Protein backbone atom coordinates (compact mmCIF):
# COMPACT_ATOMS: atom_id res chain seq x y z
CA MET A 1 16.65 -55.79 18.59
CA SER A 2 14.39 -58.61 20.18
CA ASN A 3 12.02 -56.18 21.68
CA VAL A 4 11.38 -54.46 18.41
CA HIS A 5 10.19 -57.65 16.50
CA GLU A 6 8.00 -58.47 20.14
CA ALA A 7 6.36 -55.06 19.75
CA ILE A 8 5.68 -55.59 16.10
CA SER A 9 4.68 -59.08 16.45
CA GLN A 10 2.13 -57.98 19.65
CA HIS A 11 1.16 -54.95 17.34
CA SER A 12 0.25 -57.80 14.43
CA LYS A 13 -1.43 -59.73 16.53
CA LYS A 14 -3.69 -57.05 18.20
CA GLN A 15 -4.48 -55.78 14.62
CA HIS A 16 -5.60 -59.28 13.23
CA GLN A 17 -7.89 -59.79 16.64
CA HIS A 18 -9.61 -56.30 15.71
CA ILE A 19 -10.17 -57.38 12.24
CA GLN A 20 -11.58 -60.82 13.61
CA SER A 21 -13.83 -59.25 15.81
CA PHE A 22 -14.75 -56.57 12.99
CA LEU A 23 -15.39 -59.88 10.68
CA LYS A 24 -17.64 -61.50 13.40
CA LEU A 25 -19.85 -58.49 13.88
CA GLU A 26 -20.26 -57.31 10.47
CA ALA A 27 -21.54 -61.00 9.83
CA LYS A 28 -24.02 -60.72 12.65
CA ARG A 29 -25.21 -57.28 11.28
CA GLU A 30 -25.73 -58.54 8.03
CA ALA A 31 -27.84 -61.37 9.55
CA TYR A 32 -30.09 -59.00 11.05
CA ILE A 33 -30.12 -57.10 8.00
CA GLU A 34 -31.25 -59.95 6.15
CA GLU A 35 -33.63 -61.04 9.06
CA ALA A 36 -35.37 -57.47 8.71
CA ILE A 37 -35.29 -57.42 4.67
CA GLN A 38 -37.35 -61.11 4.98
CA LEU A 39 -39.62 -59.70 7.76
CA CYS A 40 -40.33 -56.45 5.61
CA LEU A 41 -40.55 -58.51 2.11
CA ASN A 42 -43.23 -60.80 4.03
CA SER A 43 -45.43 -57.40 5.42
CA LEU A 44 -44.38 -58.59 8.84
CA PRO A 45 -43.44 -56.29 11.69
CA PHE A 46 -39.70 -55.74 12.32
CA GLU A 47 -36.75 -53.81 14.01
CA VAL A 48 -33.68 -52.18 13.29
CA ASN A 49 -32.53 -52.27 17.14
CA LYS A 50 -30.53 -55.41 17.04
CA ILE A 51 -28.79 -54.26 13.50
CA ASN A 52 -27.78 -50.95 15.17
CA GLN A 53 -26.78 -52.31 18.52
CA VAL A 54 -23.98 -54.01 16.63
CA THR A 55 -23.35 -51.13 14.22
CA THR A 56 -22.49 -49.27 17.82
CA GLU A 57 -20.10 -51.89 18.47
CA ILE A 58 -18.59 -51.80 14.99
CA ASN A 59 -18.29 -48.12 15.29
CA HIS A 60 -16.93 -48.41 18.96
CA LEU A 61 -14.24 -50.75 17.24
CA ALA A 62 -13.63 -48.80 14.52
CA SER A 63 -12.51 -45.40 16.51
CA LYS A 64 -9.74 -48.12 17.92
CA GLY A 65 -8.02 -48.96 14.74
CA ILE A 66 -8.34 -49.92 11.00
CA VAL A 67 -11.49 -51.19 10.70
CA PRO A 68 -14.25 -49.32 8.96
CA THR A 69 -17.60 -47.64 9.85
CA ARG A 70 -21.22 -48.74 9.03
CA LYS A 71 -24.37 -46.41 8.99
CA LEU A 72 -26.88 -46.82 11.52
CA VAL A 73 -29.99 -48.47 9.84
CA THR A 74 -33.60 -46.94 10.03
CA LYS A 75 -36.83 -48.90 8.86
CA GLU A 76 -37.48 -46.63 6.48
CA MET A 77 -34.12 -47.68 4.55
CA VAL A 78 -34.86 -50.92 4.81
CA GLN A 79 -38.30 -50.75 3.13
CA GLU A 80 -36.60 -48.38 0.36
CA PHE A 81 -33.94 -51.35 -0.53
CA VAL A 82 -37.24 -53.86 -0.45
CA ARG A 83 -38.94 -51.49 -3.01
CA ARG A 84 -36.02 -51.03 -5.16
CA LYS A 85 -34.68 -54.44 -5.28
CA TYR A 86 -38.14 -56.62 -5.10
CA GLY A 87 -40.79 -53.94 -6.13
CA LYS A 88 -42.67 -54.17 -3.09
């Protein structure tokens, strides 16, 4: 019986670590998106490479378990968001 409890505990711990990794990556991704939005708002050049690098990490993590995937971001997506939200 002890082995079953250990296995469940280990599984729960692994899922928790998975979710914590996702949350850290998601926060990093959101910060990069916000940075791109601010640059776009100020008519400054911006890239989406850092956003998509983190997105790829998230999607790799998602392929192993319980966290959701995220879409890759294009410059056009950022520009469209800025146009719709801020009228620029």
